[in-house]
Structures are given as structure tokens and as C-alpha cells.
Amino acid sequence: MFLHIDTGFIRIEDTTGRLFKNLDDAKIEAATLISEVAFAWPRDNRPLTNFHVDICNEKGMLVETVPVQNLCQPSAAE
């Protein structure tokens, strides 16, 4: 699967991909990427409200989108 990072300002394409046991593992990795990029994001008053990670299969087809908003909800931590 490929995890493409989109901050709403720039898009970082995953060109190498990675194998995951299942979609849930890919979503956990996407949430980790969101946390890491958000932590490193420059504090220039540009909100990351459109920030998300697109999970695509080996054919490049979108499988799931993990938005930053999912990380702010209590159910996301379960």
C-alpha cells in the first residue's frame, strides 16, 4: 500500500509503498504519519484542517482517507 501525505498545502507522494497485514495496520501507520508531520509543521499560522493521508493499493486506487480530524475524536484512540 502507498501512504500519500497531503497537508492541504503540499502533497508528498509515497513512491515506494509498504506491505501491511491489513487495512487497519495501514490506518495506524497513517495516523502516526499525521502526528509526526503535524508536530514538525512550521508554526506559521497555517491550519492543517485539510491534512490527511490517502491510503492507496498497489494499483494506485484510493482505499481509505485518514483525515487529521479522526485523531481529535475520542473514538480514534480506542
PDB file of N, CA and C in Angstrom:
ATOM      1  N   MET A   1       0.840  -1.174   0.000  1.00  0.00           N
ATOM      2  CA  MET A   1       0.000   0.000   0.000  1.00  0.00           C
ATOM      3  C   MET A   1       0.887   1.240   0.000  1.00  0.00           C
ATOM      4  N   PHE A   2       0.327   2.312  -0.475  1.00  0.00           N
ATOM      5  CA  PHE A   2       1.022   3.584  -0.542  1.00  0.00           C
ATOM      6  C   PHE A   2       0.300   4.581   0.354  1.00  0.00           C
ATOM      7  N   LEU A   3       1.070   5.325   1.133  1.00  0.00           N
ATOM      8  CA  LEU A   3       0.513   6.320   2.048  1.00  0.00           C
ATOM      9  C   LEU A   3       0.945   7.702   1.565  1.00  0.00           C
ATOM     10  N   HIS A   4       0.036   8.408   0.920  1.00  0.00           N
ATOM     11  CA  HIS A   4       0.316   9.731   0.381  1.00  0.00           C
ATOM     12  C   HIS A   4      -0.113  10.786   1.406  1.00  0.00           C
ATOM     13  N   ILE A   5       0.821  11.633   1.801  1.00  0.00           N
ATOM     14  CA  ILE A   5       0.559  12.668   2.797  1.00  0.00           C
ATOM     15  C   ILE A   5       0.120  13.935   2.082  1.00  0.00           C
ATOM     16  N   ASP A   6      -0.996  14.499   2.511  1.00  0.00           N
ATOM     17  CA  ASP A   6      -1.497  15.746   1.941  1.00  0.00           C
ATOM     18  C   ASP A   6      -1.813  16.705   3.086  1.00  0.00           C
ATOM     19  N   THR A   7      -1.045  17.787   3.177  1.00  0.00           N
ATOM     20  CA  THR A   7      -1.239  18.745   4.265  1.00  0.00           C
ATOM     21  C   THR A   7      -2.297  19.791   3.948  1.00  0.00           C
ATOM     22  N   GLY A   8      -2.801  19.776   2.735  1.00  0.00           N
ATOM     23  CA  GLY A   8      -3.706  20.837   2.298  1.00  0.00           C
ATOM     24  C   GLY A   8      -2.922  21.945   1.603  1.00  0.00           C
ATOM     25  N   PHE A   9      -1.604  21.927   1.758  1.00  0.00           N
ATOM     26  CA  PHE A   9      -0.726  22.911   1.119  1.00  0.00           C
ATOM     27  C   PHE A   9       0.261  22.220   0.182  1.00  0.00           C
ATOM     28  N   ILE A  10       0.740  21.051   0.610  1.00  0.00           N
ATOM     29  CA  ILE A  10       1.648  20.254  -0.221  1.00  0.00           C
ATOM     30  C   ILE A  10       1.211  18.797  -0.152  1.00  0.00           C
ATOM     31  N   ARG A  11       1.594  18.046  -1.168  1.00  0.00           N
ATOM     32  CA  ARG A  11       1.309  16.615  -1.204  1.00  0.00           C
ATOM     33  C   ARG A  11       2.628  15.879  -1.361  1.00  0.00           C
ATOM     34  N   ILE A  12       2.834  14.890  -0.525  1.00  0.00           N
ATOM     35  CA  ILE A  12       4.043  14.082  -0.581  1.00  0.00           C
ATOM     36  C   ILE A  12       3.627  12.685  -1.028  1.00  0.00           C
ATOM     37  N   GLU A  13       4.013  12.332  -2.230  1.00  0.00           N
ATOM     38  CA  GLU A  13       3.641  11.039  -2.803  1.00  0.00           C
ATOM     39  C   GLU A  13       4.576   9.946  -2.294  1.00  0.00           C
ATOM     40  N   ASP A  14       4.007   8.870  -1.850  1.00  0.00           N
ATOM     41  CA  ASP A  14       4.756   7.680  -1.453  1.00  0.00           C
ATOM     42  C   ASP A  14       5.066   6.910  -2.733  1.00  0.00           C
ATOM     43  N   THR A  15       6.331   6.837  -3.104  1.00  0.00           N
ATOM     44  CA  THR A  15       6.707   6.175  -4.353  1.00  0.00           C
ATOM     45  C   THR A  15       7.225   4.757  -4.144  1.00  0.00           C
ATOM     46  N   THR A  16       7.440   4.367  -2.896  1.00  0.00           N
ATOM     47  CA  THR A  16       7.986   3.034  -2.639  1.00  0.00           C
ATOM     48  C   THR A  16       6.946   2.048  -2.128  1.00  0.00           C
ATOM     49  N   GLY A  17       5.975   2.521  -1.389  1.00  0.00           N
ATOM     50  CA  GLY A  17       4.952   1.639  -0.854  1.00  0.00           C
ATOM     51  C   GLY A  17       5.472   0.791   0.295  1.00  0.00           C
ATOM     52  N   ARG A  18       4.544   0.058   0.899  1.00  0.00           N
ATOM     53  CA  ARG A  18       4.891  -0.777   2.047  1.00  0.00           C
ATOM     54  C   ARG A  18       3.828  -1.863   2.188  1.00  0.00           C
ATOM     55  N   LEU A  19       4.243  -3.017   2.666  1.00  0.00           N
ATOM     56  CA  LEU A  19       3.300  -4.104   2.898  1.00  0.00           C
ATOM     57  C   LEU A  19       2.727  -4.002   4.303  1.00  0.00           C
ATOM     58  N   PHE A  20       1.434  -4.154   4.406  1.00  0.00           N
ATOM     59  CA  PHE A  20       0.742  -4.176   5.688  1.00  0.00           C
ATOM     60  C   PHE A  20      -0.072  -5.462   5.759  1.00  0.00           C
ATOM     61  N   LYS A  21      -0.250  -5.970   6.958  1.00  0.00           N
ATOM     62  CA  LYS A  21      -1.041  -7.192   7.134  1.00  0.00           C
ATOM     63  C   LYS A  21      -2.493  -6.964   6.747  1.00  0.00           C
ATOM     64  N   ASN A  22      -2.985  -5.743   7.035  1.00  0.00           N
ATOM     65  CA  ASN A  22      -4.384  -5.427   6.750  1.00  0.00           C
ATOM     66  C   ASN A  22      -4.551  -3.912   6.699  1.00  0.00           C
ATOM     67  N   LEU A  23      -5.741  -3.479   6.358  1.00  0.00           N
ATOM     68  CA  LEU A  23      -6.030  -2.054   6.235  1.00  0.00           C
ATOM     69  C   LEU A  23      -5.906  -1.340   7.581  1.00  0.00           C
ATOM     70  N   ASP A  24      -6.290  -2.003   8.662  1.00  0.00           N
ATOM     71  CA  ASP A  24      -6.189  -1.380   9.991  1.00  0.00           C
ATOM     72  C   ASP A  24      -4.742  -1.013  10.330  1.00  0.00           C
ATOM     73  N   ASP A  25      -3.792  -1.884   9.960  1.00  0.00           N
ATOM     74  CA  ASP A  25      -2.376  -1.569  10.201  1.00  0.00           C
ATOM     75  C   ASP A  25      -1.939  -0.357   9.376  1.00  0.00           C
ATOM     76  N   ALA A  26      -2.435  -0.265   8.156  1.00  0.00           N
ATOM     77  CA  ALA A  26      -2.110   0.891   7.302  1.00  0.00           C
ATOM     78  C   ALA A  26      -2.699   2.166   7.895  1.00  0.00           C
ATOM     79  N   LYS A  27      -3.911   2.074   8.459  1.00  0.00           N
ATOM     80  CA  LYS A  27      -4.537   3.246   9.078  1.00  0.00           C
ATOM     81  C   LYS A  27      -3.772   3.686  10.324  1.00  0.00           C
ATOM     82  N   ILE A  28      -3.257   2.745  11.086  1.00  0.00           N
ATOM     83  CA  ILE A  28      -2.440   3.088  12.263  1.00  0.00           C
ATOM     84  C   ILE A  28      -1.171   3.810  11.819  1.00  0.00           C
ATOM     85  N   GLU A  29      -0.546   3.324  10.763  1.00  0.00           N
ATOM     86  CA  GLU A  29       0.653   3.983  10.241  1.00  0.00           C
ATOM     87  C   GLU A  29       0.317   5.379   9.710  1.00  0.00           C
ATOM     88  N   ALA A  30      -0.824   5.521   9.064  1.00  0.00           N
ATOM     89  CA  ALA A  30      -1.253   6.832   8.564  1.00  0.00           C
ATOM     90  C   ALA A  30      -1.443   7.806   9.722  1.00  0.00           C
ATOM     91  N   ALA A  31      -2.043   7.342  10.805  1.00  0.00           N
ATOM     92  CA  ALA A  31      -2.236   8.199  11.986  1.00  0.00           C
ATOM     93  C   ALA A  31      -0.892   8.603  12.577  1.00  0.00           C
ATOM     94  N   THR A  32       0.064   7.697  12.578  1.00  0.00           N
ATOM     95  CA  THR A  32       1.412   8.017  13.066  1.00  0.00           C
ATOM     96  C   THR A  32       2.053   9.082  12.188  1.00  0.00           C
ATOM     97  N   LEU A  33       1.916   8.936  10.883  1.00  0.00           N
ATOM     98  CA  LEU A  33       2.468   9.938   9.958  1.00  0.00           C
ATOM     99  C   LEU A  33       1.837  11.306  10.195  1.00  0.00           C
ATOM    100  N   ILE A  34       0.537  11.333  10.393  1.00  0.00           N
ATOM    101  CA  ILE A  34      -0.147  12.601  10.653  1.00  0.00           C
ATOM    102  C   ILE A  34       0.416  13.257  11.906  1.00  0.00           C
ATOM    103  N   SER A  35       0.593  12.474  12.945  1.00  0.00           N
ATOM    104  CA  SER A  35       1.135  13.012  14.203  1.00  0.00           C
ATOM    105  C   SER A  35       2.544  13.562  14.012  1.00  0.00           C
ATOM    106  N   GLU A  36       3.382  12.809  13.316  1.00  0.00           N
ATOM    107  CA  GLU A  36       4.775  13.232  13.114  1.00  0.00           C
ATOM    108  C   GLU A  36       4.872  14.492  12.259  1.00  0.00           C
ATOM    109  N   VAL A  37       4.109  14.540  11.187  1.00  0.00           N
ATOM    110  CA  VAL A  37       4.167  15.710  10.302  1.00  0.00           C
ATOM    111  C   VAL A  37       3.555  16.921  10.993  1.00  0.00           C
ATOM    112  N   ALA A  38       2.454  16.736  11.697  1.00  0.00           N
ATOM    113  CA  ALA A  38       1.824  17.859  12.403  1.00  0.00           C
ATOM    114  C   ALA A  38       2.756  18.421  13.467  1.00  0.00           C
ATOM    115  N   PHE A  39       3.503  17.561  14.152  1.00  0.00           N
ATOM    116  CA  PHE A  39       4.447  18.010  15.173  1.00  0.00           C
ATOM    117  C   PHE A  39       5.567  18.842  14.549  1.00  0.00           C
ATOM    118  N   ALA A  40       6.011  18.448  13.362  1.00  0.00           N
ATOM    119  CA  ALA A  40       7.119  19.135  12.696  1.00  0.00           C
ATOM    120  C   ALA A  40       6.658  20.317  11.837  1.00  0.00           C
ATOM    121  N   TRP A  41       5.349  20.489  11.684  1.00  0.00           N
ATOM    122  CA  TRP A  41       4.824  21.543  10.808  1.00  0.00           C
ATOM    123  C   TRP A  41       5.224  22.911  11.342  1.00  0.00           C
ATOM    124  N   PRO A  42       5.714  23.793  10.485  1.00  0.00           N
ATOM    125  CA  PRO A  42       6.112  25.129  10.939  1.00  0.00           C
ATOM    126  C   PRO A  42       4.939  25.902  11.532  1.00  0.00           C
ATOM    127  N   ARG A  43       5.206  26.600  12.570  1.00  0.00           N
ATOM    128  CA  ARG A  43       4.169  27.379  13.262  1.00  0.00           C
ATOM    129  C   ARG A  43       4.005  28.735  12.572  1.00  0.00           C
ATOM    130  N   ASP A  44       3.402  28.714  11.393  1.00  0.00           N
ATOM    131  CA  ASP A  44       3.229  29.945  10.623  1.00  0.00           C
ATOM    132  C   ASP A  44       1.751  30.315  10.465  1.00  0.00           C
ATOM    133  N   ASN A  45       0.936  29.851  11.398  1.00  0.00           N
ATOM    134  CA  ASN A  45      -0.487  30.164  11.440  1.00  0.00           C
ATOM    135  C   ASN A  45      -1.285  29.589  10.270  1.00  0.00           C
ATOM    136  N   ARG A  46      -0.723  28.619   9.561  1.00  0.00           N
ATOM    137  CA  ARG A  46      -1.485  27.934   8.512  1.00  0.00           C
ATOM    138  C   ARG A  46      -2.091  26.685   9.137  1.00  0.00           C
ATOM    139  N   PRO A  47      -3.404  26.625   9.257  1.00  0.00           N
ATOM    140  CA  PRO A  47      -4.036  25.471   9.897  1.00  0.00           C
ATOM    141  C   PRO A  47      -3.936  24.214   9.038  1.00  0.00           C
ATOM    142  N   LEU A  48      -3.934  23.087   9.698  1.00  0.00           N
ATOM    143  CA  LEU A  48      -3.872  21.810   8.995  1.00  0.00           C
ATOM    144  C   LEU A  48      -5.255  21.147   8.939  1.00  0.00           C
ATOM    145  N   THR A  49      -6.281  21.932   8.709  1.00  0.00           N
ATOM    146  CA  THR A  49      -7.636  21.399   8.728  1.00  0.00           C
ATOM    147  C   THR A  49      -7.919  20.450   7.567  1.00  0.00           C
ATOM    148  N   ASN A  50      -7.191  20.559   6.468  1.00  0.00           N
ATOM    149  CA  ASN A  50      -7.391  19.664   5.322  1.00  0.00           C
ATOM    150  C   ASN A  50      -6.353  18.553   5.269  1.00  0.00           C
ATOM    151  N   PHE A  51      -5.562  18.432   6.308  1.00  0.00           N
ATOM    152  CA  PHE A  51      -4.480  17.459   6.368  1.00  0.00           C
ATOM    153  C   PHE A  51      -5.055  16.047   6.421  1.00  0.00           C
ATOM    154  N   HIS A  52      -4.535  15.175   5.552  1.00  0.00           N
ATOM    155  CA  HIS A  52      -4.975  13.784   5.540  1.00  0.00           C
ATOM    156  C   HIS A  52      -3.918  12.899   4.894  1.00  0.00           C
ATOM    157  N   VAL A  53      -4.082  11.616   5.077  1.00  0.00           N
ATOM    158  CA  VAL A  53      -3.244  10.629   4.405  1.00  0.00           C
ATOM    159  C   VAL A  53      -4.164   9.761   3.560  1.00  0.00           C
ATOM    160  N   ASP A  54      -3.841   9.656   2.276  1.00  0.00           N
ATOM    161  CA  ASP A  54      -4.574   8.777   1.374  1.00  0.00           C
ATOM    162  C   ASP A  54      -3.871   7.428   1.342  1.00  0.00           C
ATOM    163  N   ILE A  55      -4.616   6.379   1.601  1.00  0.00           N
ATOM    164  CA  ILE A  55      -4.080   5.026   1.526  1.00  0.00           C
ATOM    165  C   ILE A  55      -4.522   4.443   0.192  1.00  0.00           C
ATOM    166  N   CYS A  56      -3.556   4.089  -0.638  1.00  0.00           N
ATOM    167  CA  CYS A  56      -3.851   3.549  -1.957  1.00  0.00           C
ATOM    168  C   CYS A  56      -3.294   2.137  -2.080  1.00  0.00           C
ATOM    169  N   ASN A  57      -3.953   1.322  -2.891  1.00  0.00           N
ATOM    170  CA  ASN A  57      -3.470  -0.034  -3.097  1.00  0.00           C
ATOM    171  C   ASN A  57      -2.336  -0.037  -4.117  1.00  0.00           C
ATOM    172  N   GLU A  58      -1.824  -1.230  -4.436  1.00  0.00           N
ATOM    173  CA  GLU A  58      -0.674  -1.338  -5.340  1.00  0.00           C
ATOM    174  C   GLU A  58      -0.993  -0.883  -6.764  1.00  0.00           C
ATOM    175  N   LYS A  59      -2.275  -0.772  -7.106  1.00  0.00           N
ATOM    176  CA  LYS A  59      -2.674  -0.278  -8.424  1.00  0.00           C
ATOM    177  C   LYS A  59      -2.875   1.228  -8.428  1.00  0.00           C
ATOM    178  N   GLY A  60      -2.685   1.860  -7.264  1.00  0.00           N
ATOM    179  CA  GLY A  60      -2.842   3.310  -7.162  1.00  0.00           C
ATOM    180  C   GLY A  60      -4.263   3.766  -6.866  1.00  0.00           C
ATOM    181  N   MET A  61      -5.144   2.825  -6.615  1.00  0.00           N
ATOM    182  CA  MET A  61      -6.538   3.154  -6.329  1.00  0.00           C
ATOM    183  C   MET A  61      -6.699   3.525  -4.859  1.00  0.00           C
ATOM    184  N   LEU A  62      -7.450   4.594  -4.606  1.00  0.00           N
ATOM    185  CA  LEU A  62      -7.700   5.043  -3.241  1.00  0.00           C
ATOM    186  C   LEU A  62      -8.521   3.995  -2.491  1.00  0.00           C
ATOM    187  N   VAL A  63      -8.022   3.598  -1.315  1.00  0.00           N
ATOM    188  CA  VAL A  63      -8.700   2.611  -0.488  1.00  0.00           C
ATOM    189  C   VAL A  63      -9.353   3.285   0.707  1.00  0.00           C
ATOM    190  N   GLU A  64      -8.644   4.254   1.297  1.00  0.00           N
ATOM    191  CA  GLU A  64      -9.135   4.917   2.507  1.00  0.00           C
ATOM    192  C   GLU A  64      -8.442   6.268   2.621  1.00  0.00           C
ATOM    193  N   THR A  65      -9.144   7.230   3.201  1.00  0.00           N
ATOM    194  CA  THR A  65      -8.554   8.521   3.544  1.00  0.00           C
ATOM    195  C   THR A  65      -8.631   8.665   5.055  1.00  0.00           C
ATOM    196  N   VAL A  66      -7.485   8.979   5.666  1.00  0.00           N
ATOM    197  CA  VAL A  66      -7.429   9.185   7.115  1.00  0.00           C
ATOM    198  C   VAL A  66      -7.208  10.674   7.357  1.00  0.00           C
ATOM    199  N   PRO A  67      -8.269  11.402   7.761  1.00  0.00           N
ATOM    200  CA  PRO A  67      -8.120  12.838   7.999  1.00  0.00           C
ATOM    201  C   PRO A  67      -7.604  13.139   9.405  1.00  0.00           C
ATOM    202  N   VAL A  68      -6.995  14.291   9.559  1.00  0.00           N
ATOM    203  CA  VAL A  68      -6.476  14.711  10.859  1.00  0.00           C
ATOM    204  C   VAL A  68      -7.599  14.790  11.892  1.00  0.00           C
ATOM    205  N   GLN A  69      -8.804  15.100  11.454  1.00  0.00           N
ATOM    206  CA  GLN A  69      -9.925  15.221  12.386  1.00  0.00           C
ATOM    207  C   GLN A  69     -10.198  13.911  13.129  1.00  0.00           C
ATOM    208  N   ASN A  70      -9.905  12.767  12.502  1.00  0.00           N
ATOM    209  CA  ASN A  70     -10.117  11.475  13.168  1.00  0.00           C
ATOM    210  C   ASN A  70      -9.262  11.317  14.400  1.00  0.00           C
ATOM    211  N   LEU A  71      -8.124  11.976  14.432  1.00  0.00           N
ATOM    212  CA  LEU A  71      -7.210  11.848  15.564  1.00  0.00           C
ATOM    213  C   LEU A  71      -7.674  12.680  16.749  1.00  0.00           C
ATOM    214  N   CYS A  72      -8.567  13.607  16.522  1.00  0.00           N
ATOM    215  CA  CYS A  72      -9.037  14.502  17.583  1.00  0.00           C
ATOM    216  C   CYS A  72     -10.288  13.968  18.275  1.00  0.00           C
ATOM    217  N   GLN A  73     -10.826  12.871  17.799  1.00  0.00           N
ATOM    218  CA  GLN A  73     -12.037  12.315  18.377  1.00  0.00           C
ATOM    219  C   GLN A  73     -11.675  11.214  19.377  1.00  0.00           C
ATOM    220  N   PRO A  74     -12.355  11.125  20.494  1.00  0.00           N
ATOM    221  CA  PRO A  74     -12.044  10.104  21.496  1.00  0.00           C
ATOM    222  C   PRO A  74     -12.098   8.684  20.947  1.00  0.00           C
ATOM    223  N   SER A  75     -12.967   8.420  19.993  1.00  0.00           N
ATOM    224  CA  SER A  75     -13.090   7.058  19.455  1.00  0.00           C
ATOM    225  C   SER A  75     -11.858   6.624  18.674  1.00  0.00           C
ATOM    226  N   ALA A  76     -11.051   7.590  18.181  1.00  0.00           N
ATOM    227  CA  ALA A  76      -9.865   7.261  17.418  1.00  0.00           C
ATOM    228  C   ALA A  76      -8.807   6.600  18.286  1.00  0.00           C
ATOM    229  N   ALA A  77      -8.842   6.827  19.574  1.00  0.00           N
ATOM    230  CA  ALA A  77      -7.821   6.273  20.463  1.00  0.00           C
ATOM    231  C   ALA A  77      -8.148   4.845  20.881  1.00  0.00           C
ATOM    232  N   GLU A  78      -9.336   4.378  20.602  1.00  0.00           N
ATOM    233  CA  GLU A  78      -9.746   3.039  21.011  1.00  0.00           C
ATOM    234  C   GLU A  78      -9.134   1.975  20.157  1.00  0.00           C
TER     235      GLU A  78
END
